[in-house]
C-alpha cells in the first residue's frame, strides 16, 4: 500500500453545498446540507506521479471527464457538517482500500489428472442416463 499525507490532502479539498433530498422535512427545502467534494488530485502535492496514475486507473468511477478530479457528494444526514465529515471518511476509505491496491497476478494452472478423469466419468454417466431414457428400439 502506498503512503500518502492525508492532512495535506484535506487542505486541497474544495467544497460546495446544495439543497439535499432525504430526511429533514421542510427544513431540507431551505438549507444547503448536501456536501459535494472536489479534489484535484492531478495537481496534488501529497501524491507522487505513480500514485496519480493508480488513482486514475482504480477510481475511474469517481473521476471527472478530464480524469484530474475526484468528485462525489454526501447527503445522508440533515447536517451540513456531518455530510462533510462523511465525504472525508469516504475519500479516506477509497484511498486506503481501493486507490493503491495492486491486483494479484493470475497464475495459470492445469487441472489434475484425477479431476479430468472425474469430470469425463461424470459426463459419460450422464450421457448413459440420457440414453436409458430413450424409447427402446426393436
N, C-alpha and C. Protein backbone atom coordinates (compact mmCIF):
# COMPACT_ATOMS: atom_id res chain seq x y z
N UNK A 1 0.85 -1.18 0.00
CA UNK A 1 0.00 0.00 0.00
C UNK A 1 0.89 1.24 0.00
N UNK A 2 0.55 2.22 -0.79
CA UNK A 2 1.31 3.44 -0.90
C UNK A 2 1.04 4.37 0.28
N UNK A 3 2.05 5.17 0.57
CA UNK A 3 1.91 6.13 1.66
C UNK A 3 1.50 7.48 1.08
N UNK A 4 0.60 8.15 1.76
CA UNK A 4 0.18 9.49 1.35
C UNK A 4 -0.12 10.30 2.60
N UNK A 5 0.01 11.61 2.48
CA UNK A 5 -0.21 12.51 3.61
C UNK A 5 -1.65 13.03 3.54
N UNK A 6 -2.52 12.46 4.36
CA UNK A 6 -3.94 12.81 4.30
C UNK A 6 -4.20 14.23 4.80
N UNK A 7 -3.36 14.73 5.70
CA UNK A 7 -3.54 16.11 6.19
C UNK A 7 -3.34 17.12 5.06
N UNK A 8 -2.35 16.85 4.19
CA UNK A 8 -2.14 17.72 3.03
C UNK A 8 -3.33 17.65 2.08
N UNK A 9 -3.85 16.44 1.92
CA UNK A 9 -4.98 16.23 1.02
C UNK A 9 -6.20 17.01 1.53
N UNK A 10 -6.43 17.01 2.84
CA UNK A 10 -7.57 17.73 3.41
C UNK A 10 -7.52 19.23 3.08
N UNK A 11 -6.32 19.78 3.02
CA UNK A 11 -6.17 21.21 2.71
C UNK A 11 -6.46 21.50 1.24
N UNK A 12 -6.34 20.47 0.38
CA UNK A 12 -6.55 20.66 -1.06
C UNK A 12 -8.00 20.46 -1.50
N UNK A 13 -8.85 20.00 -0.61
CA UNK A 13 -10.24 19.71 -0.96
C UNK A 13 -11.03 20.99 -1.19
N UNK A 14 -11.91 20.94 -2.17
CA UNK A 14 -12.82 22.05 -2.43
C UNK A 14 -14.23 21.57 -2.13
N UNK A 15 -15.02 22.44 -1.51
CA UNK A 15 -16.37 22.07 -1.09
C UNK A 15 -17.40 22.97 -1.75
N UNK A 16 -18.55 22.38 -2.05
CA UNK A 16 -19.71 23.16 -2.45
C UNK A 16 -20.92 22.49 -1.80
N UNK A 17 -21.95 23.26 -1.60
CA UNK A 17 -23.13 22.77 -0.89
C UNK A 17 -24.38 23.08 -1.70
N UNK A 18 -25.35 22.20 -1.60
CA UNK A 18 -26.61 22.43 -2.31
C UNK A 18 -27.75 21.84 -1.48
N UNK A 19 -28.95 22.09 -1.95
CA UNK A 19 -30.12 21.55 -1.25
C UNK A 19 -30.14 20.04 -1.41
N UNK A 20 -30.52 19.37 -0.34
CA UNK A 20 -30.44 17.93 -0.29
C UNK A 20 -31.83 17.32 -0.27
N UNK A 21 -31.93 16.14 -0.84
CA UNK A 21 -33.16 15.37 -0.66
C UNK A 21 -32.96 14.50 0.57
N UNK A 22 -33.95 13.73 0.93
CA UNK A 22 -33.79 12.84 2.06
C UNK A 22 -34.39 13.39 3.33
N UNK A 23 -33.92 12.91 4.52
CA UNK A 23 -34.54 13.27 5.79
C UNK A 23 -34.41 14.75 6.11
N UNK A 24 -35.37 15.28 6.82
CA UNK A 24 -35.27 16.67 7.24
C UNK A 24 -36.56 17.44 7.08
N UNK A 25 -37.53 16.87 6.38
CA UNK A 25 -38.81 17.54 6.22
C UNK A 25 -38.69 18.84 5.46
N UNK A 26 -39.42 19.87 5.89
CA UNK A 26 -39.41 21.16 5.21
C UNK A 26 -38.08 21.89 5.40
N UNK A 27 -37.32 21.51 6.41
CA UNK A 27 -36.01 22.10 6.65
C UNK A 27 -35.08 21.89 5.45
N UNK A 28 -35.24 20.74 4.76
CA UNK A 28 -34.42 20.41 3.60
C UNK A 28 -34.62 21.43 2.48
N UNK A 29 -35.82 21.97 2.37
CA UNK A 29 -36.13 22.90 1.29
C UNK A 29 -35.48 24.26 1.46
N UNK A 30 -34.98 24.56 2.65
CA UNK A 30 -34.47 25.91 2.92
C UNK A 30 -32.97 25.98 3.15
N UNK A 31 -32.32 24.87 3.44
CA UNK A 31 -30.89 24.93 3.76
C UNK A 31 -30.08 24.04 2.83
N UNK A 32 -28.83 24.44 2.63
CA UNK A 32 -27.91 23.68 1.79
C UNK A 32 -27.17 22.69 2.69
N UNK A 33 -27.59 21.43 2.66
CA UNK A 33 -26.96 20.43 3.52
C UNK A 33 -26.18 19.37 2.75
N UNK A 34 -26.40 19.25 1.46
CA UNK A 34 -25.68 18.27 0.66
C UNK A 34 -24.26 18.77 0.41
N UNK A 35 -23.27 17.97 0.81
CA UNK A 35 -21.86 18.35 0.64
C UNK A 35 -21.30 17.70 -0.62
N UNK A 36 -20.68 18.50 -1.47
CA UNK A 36 -20.05 18.00 -2.69
C UNK A 36 -18.55 18.22 -2.57
N UNK A 37 -17.80 17.13 -2.68
CA UNK A 37 -16.35 17.18 -2.55
C UNK A 37 -15.72 17.16 -3.93
N UNK A 38 -14.74 18.02 -4.14
CA UNK A 38 -13.94 18.03 -5.36
C UNK A 38 -12.49 18.07 -4.95
N UNK A 39 -11.69 17.13 -5.45
CA UNK A 39 -10.26 17.11 -5.14
C UNK A 39 -9.48 16.95 -6.43
N UNK A 40 -8.71 17.95 -6.76
CA UNK A 40 -7.88 17.92 -7.96
C UNK A 40 -6.59 17.16 -7.60
N UNK A 41 -6.66 15.84 -7.69
CA UNK A 41 -5.53 15.01 -7.28
C UNK A 41 -4.38 15.07 -8.27
N UNK A 42 -4.66 15.44 -9.51
CA UNK A 42 -3.60 15.52 -10.52
C UNK A 42 -2.58 16.60 -10.19
N UNK A 43 -3.00 17.64 -9.48
CA UNK A 43 -2.09 18.73 -9.08
C UNK A 43 -1.76 18.67 -7.60
N UNK A 44 -1.97 17.54 -6.98
CA UNK A 44 -1.77 17.42 -5.54
C UNK A 44 -0.29 17.33 -5.18
N UNK A 45 0.09 18.03 -4.12
CA UNK A 45 1.47 17.96 -3.63
C UNK A 45 1.66 16.77 -2.70
N UNK A 46 0.57 16.10 -2.34
CA UNK A 46 0.64 14.98 -1.40
C UNK A 46 0.88 13.65 -2.11
N UNK A 47 0.82 13.63 -3.44
CA UNK A 47 0.94 12.38 -4.18
C UNK A 47 2.11 12.40 -5.15
N UNK A 48 2.63 11.20 -5.43
CA UNK A 48 3.67 11.04 -6.45
C UNK A 48 2.98 10.73 -7.78
N UNK A 49 3.74 10.82 -8.86
CA UNK A 49 3.19 10.58 -10.20
C UNK A 49 2.60 9.18 -10.32
N UNK A 50 3.29 8.19 -9.77
CA UNK A 50 2.81 6.81 -9.83
C UNK A 50 1.47 6.66 -9.12
N UNK A 51 1.30 7.35 -8.00
CA UNK A 51 0.05 7.30 -7.25
C UNK A 51 -1.09 7.94 -8.04
N UNK A 52 -0.79 9.02 -8.74
CA UNK A 52 -1.81 9.69 -9.56
C UNK A 52 -2.31 8.74 -10.65
N UNK A 53 -1.38 8.03 -11.28
CA UNK A 53 -1.75 7.06 -12.32
C UNK A 53 -2.60 5.94 -11.74
N UNK A 54 -2.25 5.47 -10.53
CA UNK A 54 -3.03 4.41 -9.88
C UNK A 54 -4.45 4.88 -9.57
N UNK A 55 -4.58 6.12 -9.12
CA UNK A 55 -5.92 6.66 -8.84
C UNK A 55 -6.74 6.72 -10.12
N UNK A 56 -6.15 7.18 -11.20
CA UNK A 56 -6.86 7.27 -12.47
C UNK A 56 -7.33 5.90 -12.94
N UNK A 57 -6.55 4.87 -12.65
CA UNK A 57 -6.91 3.51 -13.08
C UNK A 57 -7.94 2.87 -12.14
N UNK A 58 -7.73 3.01 -10.83
CA UNK A 58 -8.54 2.26 -9.86
C UNK A 58 -9.82 2.98 -9.41
N UNK A 59 -9.87 4.30 -9.53
CA UNK A 59 -11.04 5.06 -9.08
C UNK A 59 -11.74 5.77 -10.24
N UNK A 60 -11.78 5.13 -11.39
CA UNK A 60 -12.34 5.76 -12.59
C UNK A 60 -13.79 6.18 -12.42
N UNK A 61 -14.55 5.47 -11.58
CA UNK A 61 -15.97 5.79 -11.40
C UNK A 61 -16.18 7.11 -10.66
N UNK A 62 -15.18 7.60 -9.96
CA UNK A 62 -15.32 8.81 -9.16
C UNK A 62 -14.67 10.03 -9.82
N UNK A 63 -14.15 9.89 -11.03
CA UNK A 63 -13.40 10.96 -11.68
C UNK A 63 -14.26 11.76 -12.65
N UNK A 64 -13.82 13.01 -12.88
CA UNK A 64 -14.49 13.84 -13.89
C UNK A 64 -14.02 13.40 -15.28
N UNK A 65 -14.54 14.04 -16.32
CA UNK A 65 -14.22 13.62 -17.69
C UNK A 65 -12.75 13.77 -18.03
N UNK A 66 -12.10 14.78 -17.48
CA UNK A 66 -10.69 15.00 -17.79
C UNK A 66 -9.75 14.14 -16.95
N UNK A 67 -10.32 13.30 -16.07
CA UNK A 67 -9.55 12.36 -15.24
C UNK A 67 -8.55 13.07 -14.32
N UNK A 68 -8.91 14.26 -13.83
CA UNK A 68 -8.00 15.00 -12.96
C UNK A 68 -8.57 15.26 -11.57
N UNK A 69 -9.88 15.12 -11.40
CA UNK A 69 -10.53 15.42 -10.12
C UNK A 69 -11.40 14.26 -9.65
N UNK A 70 -11.38 14.04 -8.34
CA UNK A 70 -12.32 13.10 -7.73
C UNK A 70 -13.54 13.92 -7.31
N UNK A 71 -14.72 13.43 -7.68
CA UNK A 71 -15.97 14.10 -7.36
C UNK A 71 -16.93 13.13 -6.72
N UNK A 72 -17.52 13.51 -5.60
CA UNK A 72 -18.67 12.80 -5.06
C UNK A 72 -19.35 13.65 -4.01
N UNK A 73 -20.55 13.23 -3.64
CA UNK A 73 -21.32 14.01 -2.69
C UNK A 73 -21.91 13.11 -1.61
N UNK A 74 -22.26 13.73 -0.49
CA UNK A 74 -22.89 13.02 0.61
C UNK A 74 -24.10 13.82 1.07
N UNK A 75 -25.23 13.13 1.23
CA UNK A 75 -26.43 13.81 1.70
C UNK A 75 -27.22 12.91 2.65
N UNK A 76 -26.53 12.02 3.36
CA UNK A 76 -27.20 11.08 4.24
C UNK A 76 -27.78 11.75 5.49
N UNK A 77 -27.16 12.83 5.91
CA UNK A 77 -27.53 13.46 7.17
C UNK A 77 -28.27 14.77 6.94
N UNK A 78 -28.91 15.28 8.01
CA UNK A 78 -29.58 16.59 7.94
C UNK A 78 -28.57 17.72 8.15
N UNK A 79 -27.39 17.38 8.63
CA UNK A 79 -26.39 18.38 8.98
C UNK A 79 -25.35 18.54 7.87
N UNK A 80 -25.04 19.77 7.53
CA UNK A 80 -24.02 20.06 6.53
C UNK A 80 -22.66 19.55 7.01
N UNK A 81 -22.35 19.79 8.27
CA UNK A 81 -21.05 19.39 8.83
C UNK A 81 -20.90 17.87 8.86
N UNK A 82 -21.97 17.16 9.22
CA UNK A 82 -21.91 15.70 9.26
C UNK A 82 -21.74 15.13 7.85
N UNK A 83 -22.40 15.73 6.87
CA UNK A 83 -22.24 15.29 5.48
C UNK A 83 -20.82 15.53 5.00
N UNK A 84 -20.23 16.64 5.41
CA UNK A 84 -18.84 16.94 5.06
C UNK A 84 -17.91 15.88 5.66
N UNK A 85 -18.14 15.53 6.93
CA UNK A 85 -17.33 14.50 7.59
C UNK A 85 -17.50 13.14 6.89
N UNK A 86 -18.72 12.85 6.46
CA UNK A 86 -18.96 11.59 5.73
C UNK A 86 -18.19 11.56 4.42
N UNK A 87 -18.12 12.69 3.73
CA UNK A 87 -17.34 12.77 2.49
C UNK A 87 -15.86 12.52 2.76
N UNK A 88 -15.35 13.09 3.83
CA UNK A 88 -13.94 12.92 4.18
C UNK A 88 -13.66 11.45 4.51
N UNK A 89 -14.56 10.82 5.26
CA UNK A 89 -14.40 9.40 5.59
C UNK A 89 -14.42 8.55 4.33
N UNK A 90 -15.33 8.89 3.42
CA UNK A 90 -15.47 8.14 2.18
C UNK A 90 -14.19 8.26 1.33
N UNK A 91 -13.64 9.47 1.25
CA UNK A 91 -12.41 9.69 0.49
C UNK A 91 -11.25 8.90 1.11
N UNK A 92 -11.13 8.97 2.43
CA UNK A 92 -10.05 8.25 3.12
C UNK A 92 -10.19 6.75 2.89
N UNK A 93 -11.41 6.24 2.98
CA UNK A 93 -11.66 4.82 2.75
C UNK A 93 -11.26 4.42 1.33
N UNK A 94 -11.65 5.24 0.34
CA UNK A 94 -11.31 4.94 -1.06
C UNK A 94 -9.80 4.91 -1.27
N UNK A 95 -9.11 5.88 -0.68
CA UNK A 95 -7.66 5.94 -0.87
C UNK A 95 -6.96 4.77 -0.17
N UNK A 96 -7.44 4.41 1.01
CA UNK A 96 -6.78 3.34 1.76
C UNK A 96 -7.08 1.95 1.22
N UNK A 97 -8.28 1.75 0.68
CA UNK A 97 -8.66 0.39 0.30
C UNK A 97 -8.66 0.12 -1.21
N UNK A 98 -8.94 1.12 -2.04
CA UNK A 98 -9.10 0.84 -3.46
C UNK A 98 -8.07 1.52 -4.36
N UNK A 99 -7.65 2.71 -4.00
CA UNK A 99 -6.84 3.50 -4.93
C UNK A 99 -5.46 2.91 -5.21
N UNK A 100 -4.79 2.41 -4.19
CA UNK A 100 -3.41 1.98 -4.35
C UNK A 100 -3.24 0.47 -4.26
N UNK A 101 -4.31 -0.28 -4.49
CA UNK A 101 -4.26 -1.74 -4.41
C UNK A 101 -3.84 -2.29 -5.77
N UNK A 102 -2.80 -3.12 -5.76
CA UNK A 102 -2.37 -3.77 -6.99
C UNK A 102 -3.12 -5.09 -7.11
N UNK A 103 -3.74 -5.36 -8.27
CA UNK A 103 -4.43 -6.64 -8.41
C UNK A 103 -3.42 -7.79 -8.44
N UNK A 104 -3.82 -8.92 -7.85
CA UNK A 104 -2.93 -10.08 -7.84
C UNK A 104 -2.80 -10.65 -9.24
N UNK A 105 -1.59 -11.08 -9.58
CA UNK A 105 -1.36 -11.71 -10.87
C UNK A 105 -1.95 -13.11 -10.85
N UNK A 106 -2.62 -13.47 -11.92
CA UNK A 106 -3.22 -14.80 -12.01
C UNK A 106 -2.15 -15.78 -12.45
N UNK A 107 -2.05 -16.87 -11.71
CA UNK A 107 -1.10 -17.92 -12.05
C UNK A 107 -1.87 -19.02 -12.77
N UNK A 108 -1.45 -19.31 -14.00
CA UNK A 108 -2.13 -20.34 -14.78
C UNK A 108 -1.87 -21.70 -14.15
N UNK A 109 -2.91 -22.50 -14.05
CA UNK A 109 -2.78 -23.84 -13.50
C UNK A 109 -3.49 -24.84 -14.41
N UNK A 110 -3.02 -26.07 -14.35
CA UNK A 110 -3.68 -27.14 -15.09
C UNK A 110 -4.53 -27.95 -14.12
N UNK A 111 -5.66 -28.48 -14.57
CA UNK A 111 -6.41 -29.36 -13.68
C UNK A 111 -5.63 -30.66 -13.47
N UNK A 112 -5.81 -31.25 -12.31
CA UNK A 112 -5.10 -32.50 -12.03
C UNK A 112 -5.66 -33.62 -12.89
N UNK A 113 -4.87 -34.68 -13.06
CA UNK A 113 -5.28 -35.81 -13.88
C UNK A 113 -6.54 -36.45 -13.32
N UNK A 114 -6.60 -36.55 -11.99
CA UNK A 114 -7.77 -37.18 -11.37
C UNK A 114 -9.03 -36.33 -11.55
N UNK A 115 -8.89 -34.99 -11.52
CA UNK A 115 -10.08 -34.15 -11.71
C UNK A 115 -10.58 -34.23 -13.15
N UNK A 116 -9.66 -34.35 -14.10
CA UNK A 116 -10.07 -34.51 -15.50
C UNK A 116 -10.81 -35.83 -15.67
N UNK A 117 -10.25 -36.92 -15.09
CA UNK A 117 -10.89 -38.23 -15.17
C UNK A 117 -12.27 -38.21 -14.52
N UNK A 118 -12.37 -37.56 -13.38
CA UNK A 118 -13.64 -37.46 -12.65
C UNK A 118 -14.69 -36.74 -13.51
N UNK A 119 -14.29 -35.63 -14.14
CA UNK A 119 -15.20 -34.86 -14.98
C UNK A 119 -15.68 -35.69 -16.18
N UNK A 120 -14.75 -36.38 -16.84
CA UNK A 120 -15.11 -37.19 -18.01
C UNK A 120 -16.00 -38.37 -17.61
N UNK A 121 -15.72 -38.98 -16.45
CA UNK A 121 -16.56 -40.07 -15.96
C UNK A 121 -17.99 -39.60 -15.69
N UNK A 122 -18.11 -38.42 -15.09
CA UNK A 122 -19.45 -37.90 -14.80
C UNK A 122 -20.21 -37.57 -16.09
N UNK A 123 -19.48 -37.09 -17.12
CA UNK A 123 -20.13 -36.82 -18.41
C UNK A 123 -20.61 -38.13 -19.05
N UNK A 124 -19.78 -39.16 -18.95
CA UNK A 124 -20.16 -40.46 -19.51
C UNK A 124 -21.38 -41.01 -18.80
N UNK A 125 -21.39 -40.92 -17.49
CA UNK A 125 -22.52 -41.42 -16.69
C UNK A 125 -23.80 -40.66 -17.04
N UNK A 126 -23.68 -39.34 -17.20
CA UNK A 126 -24.84 -38.51 -17.55
C UNK A 126 -25.38 -38.89 -18.93
N UNK A 127 -24.48 -39.12 -19.89
CA UNK A 127 -24.93 -39.50 -21.23
C UNK A 127 -25.60 -40.87 -21.21
N UNK A 128 -25.08 -41.80 -20.40
CA UNK A 128 -25.72 -43.11 -20.27
C UNK A 128 -27.13 -42.99 -19.70
N UNK A 129 -27.29 -42.12 -18.70
CA UNK A 129 -28.60 -41.88 -18.09
C UNK A 129 -29.58 -41.38 -19.16
N UNK A 130 -29.12 -40.47 -20.00
CA UNK A 130 -29.99 -39.93 -21.05
C UNK A 130 -30.33 -41.00 -22.09
N UNK A 131 -29.34 -41.84 -22.42
CA UNK A 131 -29.59 -42.93 -23.39
C UNK A 131 -30.64 -43.90 -22.85
N UNK A 132 -30.58 -44.17 -21.55
CA UNK A 132 -31.52 -45.10 -20.93
C UNK A 132 -32.95 -44.55 -20.91
N UNK A 133 -33.12 -43.25 -21.01
CA UNK A 133 -34.45 -42.63 -21.01
C UNK A 133 -35.13 -42.73 -22.37
N UNK A 134 -34.38 -43.04 -23.42
CA UNK A 134 -34.93 -43.07 -24.77
C UNK A 134 -35.83 -44.30 -24.95
N UNK A 135 -36.68 -44.21 -25.97
CA UNK A 135 -37.54 -45.35 -26.28
C UNK A 135 -36.70 -46.52 -26.74
N UNK A 136 -37.16 -47.70 -26.40
CA UNK A 136 -36.44 -48.91 -26.78
C UNK A 136 -36.72 -49.19 -28.25
N UNK A 137 -35.66 -49.49 -29.01
CA UNK A 137 -35.79 -49.79 -30.44
C UNK A 137 -35.70 -51.30 -30.64
N UNK A 138 -36.65 -51.87 -31.40
CA UNK A 138 -36.68 -53.33 -31.65
C UNK A 138 -36.03 -53.69 -32.94
